[in-house]
Amino acid sequence: MNKNIISASILSADFARLGEDIASVLDAGVDWVHFDVMDNHYVPNLSFGPLICKAIKNYGIKAPIDVHLMIKPVDRIIADFAKAGADYITFHPEASEHVDRTIQLIIDNGCKPGLVLNPATPISVLEYVIDKLDMILLMSVNPGFPNQKFIPAVMSKITHIRKLIDQSGKNIRLEIDGGVKKDNIKAISEQGVDTFVIGSAIFDTDDYQMTLKDLKAQLA
């Protein structure tokens, strides 16, 4: 079983002092940095691109960078994020004309590929590509905005995907994004998730260290 990872979604960070704020959450116990990349096309919002990723690396952030591309078309930007320092790159199958080709493009650029499933995306999309994946990211909200409530129906989907991962025999991380908080992280973990994207539930608190301690206590 994979070690539990908390990936901080910087969409909820203080953009006026981004490098400093990211360093603070990492010092407090966060494992990875999560990038929610939005294009105002695939999703109705606009966030940031590879330049911000590069700036964070140049600032001295050494933690793994977990890039979630909510953009369409997706292939064009992959090499830019790889060059900027991404470790994992995940994308939505709806945003690619050829899912297998996009996965291969991520691998060819030296990053670990992942597929993102929206709450209503069928699991069958994984069937012919699961052997190439290092991550499956399950959206527990509809993509595009921070501070949304967790969609309970996603819980049964977690169980199905955990079973698929176990059957594949591959070391694939199962990540969840959306509405993850101290009061539901334990139940989500028990369904088989090992990687948790958390934004406002960390960045909107006054004491990052205490918040991380509480979240990790739930996982323990």
Protein backbone atom coordinates (compact mmCIF):
# COMPACT_ATOMS: atom_id res chain seq x y z
CA MET A 1 0.00 0.00 0.00
CA ASN A 2 1.28 3.49 -0.87
CA LYS A 3 2.25 5.88 1.90
CA ASN A 4 -0.36 8.62 2.43
CA ILE A 5 0.52 11.89 0.70
CA ILE A 6 -1.00 15.34 1.24
CA SER A 7 -0.69 17.57 -1.83
CA ALA A 8 -1.43 21.25 -1.15
CA SER A 9 -3.55 22.93 -3.82
CA ILE A 10 -1.94 26.33 -4.30
CA LEU A 11 -5.14 27.68 -5.85
CA SER A 12 -6.02 28.60 -2.25
CA ALA A 13 -2.59 30.05 -1.38
CA ASP A 14 -1.73 33.74 -1.03
CA PHE A 15 -0.76 34.71 -4.60
CA ALA A 16 0.90 37.94 -3.43
CA ARG A 17 3.54 35.85 -1.59
CA LEU A 18 3.22 32.51 -3.31
CA GLY A 19 6.74 31.11 -2.85
CA GLU A 20 6.73 32.00 0.84
CA ASP A 21 3.25 30.56 1.43
CA ILE A 22 4.15 27.28 -0.32
CA ALA A 23 7.37 27.02 1.70
CA SER A 24 5.31 27.53 4.89
CA VAL A 25 2.88 24.66 4.16
CA LEU A 26 5.77 22.36 3.22
CA ASP A 27 7.53 23.23 6.49
CA ALA A 28 4.25 22.45 8.28
CA GLY A 29 4.19 18.91 6.88
CA VAL A 30 2.66 18.96 3.37
CA ASP A 31 4.29 16.41 1.02
CA TRP A 32 3.58 17.71 -2.50
CA VAL A 33 2.55 20.91 -4.30
CA HIS A 34 -0.64 20.60 -6.39
CA PHE A 35 -1.12 22.84 -9.43
CA ASP A 36 -4.70 23.36 -10.65
CA VAL A 37 -4.20 24.61 -14.21
CA MET A 38 -7.39 26.12 -15.69
CA ASP A 39 -7.92 27.60 -19.13
CA ASN A 40 -11.31 29.38 -19.11
CA HIS A 41 -12.33 26.92 -21.85
CA TYR A 42 -12.45 23.35 -20.54
CA VAL A 43 -13.39 24.85 -17.16
CA PRO A 44 -14.97 28.29 -16.55
CA ASN A 45 -11.99 29.72 -14.70
CA LEU A 46 -8.42 30.85 -15.37
CA SER A 47 -5.49 30.11 -13.07
CA PHE A 48 -1.80 29.84 -13.99
CA GLY A 49 0.66 28.33 -16.43
CA PRO A 50 4.19 26.89 -16.65
CA LEU A 51 5.89 30.20 -15.79
CA ILE A 52 4.49 30.04 -12.25
CA CYS A 53 5.69 26.44 -11.94
CA LYS A 54 9.18 27.50 -13.05
CA ALA A 55 9.14 30.49 -10.67
CA ILE A 56 8.30 28.20 -7.73
CA LYS A 57 11.18 25.86 -8.63
CA ASN A 58 13.51 28.87 -8.94
CA TYR A 59 12.31 30.08 -5.54
CA GLY A 60 13.78 26.86 -4.14
CA ILE A 61 10.75 24.59 -3.74
CA LYS A 62 12.06 21.01 -3.97
CA ALA A 63 8.88 19.04 -3.16
CA PRO A 64 7.26 17.00 -5.97
CA ILE A 65 4.99 19.11 -8.19
CA ASP A 66 1.69 17.50 -9.07
CA VAL A 67 0.19 19.28 -12.13
CA HIS A 68 -3.53 18.82 -12.84
CA LEU A 69 -4.32 20.10 -16.33
CA MET A 70 -7.92 21.32 -16.71
CA ILE A 71 -7.28 22.55 -20.23
CA LYS A 72 -8.42 21.64 -23.72
CA PRO A 73 -6.66 20.79 -25.99
CA VAL A 74 -4.11 19.40 -23.56
CA ASP A 75 -1.14 18.09 -25.61
CA ARG A 76 0.36 21.46 -26.56
CA ILE A 77 1.20 22.50 -22.94
CA ILE A 78 2.64 19.21 -21.61
CA ALA A 79 6.28 19.77 -22.66
CA ASP A 80 6.20 23.30 -21.17
CA PHE A 81 5.16 22.00 -17.75
CA ALA A 82 7.71 19.19 -17.93
CA LYS A 83 10.46 21.75 -18.64
CA ALA A 84 9.14 23.97 -15.84
CA GLY A 85 9.70 21.19 -13.28
CA ALA A 86 6.50 19.12 -13.04
CA ASP A 87 6.83 15.60 -11.61
CA TYR A 88 3.30 14.26 -12.15
CA ILE A 89 1.03 15.50 -14.96
CA THR A 90 -2.64 14.50 -14.91
CA PHE A 91 -5.26 15.34 -17.53
CA HIS A 92 -8.94 14.76 -18.31
CA PRO A 93 -9.74 12.19 -21.03
CA GLU A 94 -12.45 14.58 -22.32
CA ALA A 95 -9.68 17.11 -23.10
CA SER A 96 -7.66 14.77 -25.34
CA GLU A 97 -8.44 13.51 -28.83
CA HIS A 98 -6.21 10.47 -28.23
CA VAL A 99 -5.84 9.54 -24.56
CA ASP A 100 -3.13 6.92 -25.10
CA ARG A 101 -1.04 9.39 -27.15
CA THR A 102 -1.33 12.08 -24.46
CA ILE A 103 -0.19 9.61 -21.78
CA GLN A 104 2.81 8.66 -23.94
CA LEU A 105 3.62 12.36 -24.46
CA ILE A 106 3.82 12.87 -20.68
CA ILE A 107 6.11 9.83 -20.34
CA ASP A 108 8.30 10.98 -23.25
CA ASN A 109 8.75 14.33 -21.49
CA GLY A 110 10.05 12.62 -18.37
CA CYS A 111 6.99 12.98 -16.12
CA LYS A 112 4.66 10.51 -14.45
CA PRO A 113 1.25 10.39 -16.19
CA GLY A 114 -2.19 10.33 -14.61
CA LEU A 115 -5.80 10.37 -15.75
CA VAL A 116 -8.44 12.55 -14.07
CA LEU A 117 -12.03 11.34 -13.70
CA ASN A 118 -14.76 13.91 -13.10
CA PRO A 119 -17.66 12.81 -10.84
CA ALA A 120 -19.67 11.67 -13.91
CA THR A 121 -16.78 10.29 -16.02
CA PRO A 122 -17.19 6.50 -16.39
CA ILE A 123 -14.48 4.25 -14.96
CA SER A 124 -14.33 2.31 -18.26
CA VAL A 125 -12.03 5.05 -19.62
CA LEU A 126 -9.22 3.41 -17.59
CA GLU A 127 -9.60 -0.03 -19.14
CA TYR A 128 -7.02 0.09 -21.94
CA VAL A 129 -4.54 2.55 -20.42
CA ILE A 130 -4.24 1.63 -16.72
CA ASP A 131 -0.95 -0.22 -17.38
CA LYS A 132 0.66 3.11 -18.41
CA LEU A 133 -0.54 5.21 -15.46
CA ASP A 134 1.26 6.29 -12.30
CA MET A 135 -1.74 8.16 -10.92
CA ILE A 136 -5.53 8.19 -11.09
CA LEU A 137 -7.03 11.45 -9.85
CA LEU A 138 -10.66 11.31 -8.84
CA MET A 139 -12.55 14.60 -8.74
CA SER A 140 -14.94 14.74 -5.79
CA VAL A 141 -16.29 18.09 -7.03
CA ASN A 142 -16.90 19.35 -10.56
CA PRO A 143 -13.65 20.94 -11.76
CA GLY A 144 -13.14 24.68 -12.07
CA PHE A 145 -13.56 26.31 -8.67
CA PRO A 146 -12.07 26.05 -5.16
CA ASN A 147 -14.13 25.76 -1.94
CA GLN A 148 -16.71 23.26 -3.23
CA LYS A 149 -18.48 20.56 -1.20
CA PHE A 150 -17.46 16.91 -1.51
CA ILE A 151 -19.89 14.88 -3.69
CA PRO A 152 -20.81 11.77 -1.60
CA ALA A 153 -21.57 9.57 -4.64
CA VAL A 154 -17.83 9.56 -5.40
CA MET A 155 -17.22 7.25 -2.41
CA SER A 156 -18.44 4.14 -4.23
CA LYS A 157 -16.35 5.14 -7.26
CA ILE A 158 -13.23 5.15 -5.06
CA THR A 159 -13.93 1.54 -4.07
CA HIS A 160 -14.22 0.44 -7.72
CA ILE A 161 -11.02 2.20 -8.76
CA ARG A 162 -9.07 0.87 -5.78
CA LYS A 163 -10.11 -2.65 -6.88
CA LEU A 164 -8.91 -1.96 -10.46
CA ILE A 165 -5.56 -0.67 -9.19
CA ASP A 166 -5.07 -3.69 -6.94
CA GLN A 167 -5.95 -6.06 -9.80
CA SER A 168 -3.49 -4.29 -12.12
CA GLY A 169 -0.60 -5.13 -9.77
CA LYS A 170 0.86 -1.69 -10.54
CA ASN A 171 2.01 0.90 -8.02
CA ILE A 172 -0.57 3.55 -9.05
CA ARG A 173 -1.41 6.40 -6.70
CA LEU A 174 -5.13 7.05 -6.12
CA GLU A 175 -5.58 10.77 -5.60
CA ILE A 176 -8.72 12.70 -4.64
CA ASP A 177 -9.41 16.40 -5.20
CA GLY A 178 -12.31 18.49 -3.90
CA GLY A 179 -13.86 19.18 -0.52
CA VAL A 180 -11.36 17.05 1.45
CA LYS A 181 -11.34 18.16 5.09
CA LYS A 182 -10.47 16.98 8.58
CA ASP A 183 -13.99 15.56 9.09
CA ASN A 184 -14.03 13.34 5.96
CA ILE A 185 -10.38 12.47 5.22
CA LYS A 186 -10.45 9.32 7.38
CA ALA A 187 -13.54 7.88 5.62
CA ILE A 188 -12.03 8.70 2.19
CA SER A 189 -8.76 7.01 3.18
CA GLU A 190 -10.63 3.89 4.33
CA GLN A 191 -12.11 3.53 0.83
CA GLY A 192 -8.59 3.27 -0.60
CA VAL A 193 -7.35 6.77 -1.45
CA ASP A 194 -3.66 7.40 -0.64
CA THR A 195 -3.09 10.91 -2.06
CA PHE A 196 -5.17 13.87 -0.88
CA VAL A 197 -5.37 17.26 -2.60
CA ILE A 198 -6.25 19.83 0.05
CA GLY A 199 -6.50 23.57 -0.55
CA SER A 200 -8.71 25.86 1.51
CA ALA A 201 -8.84 23.38 4.43
CA ILE A 202 -5.12 24.16 4.90
CA PHE A 203 -4.54 27.65 3.47
CA ASP A 204 -7.64 29.21 5.09
CA THR A 205 -6.44 28.26 8.58
CA ASP A 206 -4.24 30.35 10.89
CA ASP A 207 -1.87 27.59 11.95
CA TYR A 208 -0.70 25.34 9.09
CA GLN A 209 1.27 23.09 11.42
CA MET A 210 -1.70 22.38 13.70
CA THR A 211 -3.96 21.82 10.67
CA LEU A 212 -1.53 19.29 9.14
CA LYS A 213 -1.13 17.59 12.51
CA ASP A 214 -4.94 17.19 12.77
CA LEU A 215 -5.23 15.89 9.17
CA LYS A 216 -2.40 13.38 9.65
CA ALA A 217 -3.86 12.24 12.96
CA GLN A 218 -7.07 11.35 11.09
CA LEU A 219 -5.06 9.36 8.54
CA ALA A 220 -3.13 7.56 11.27
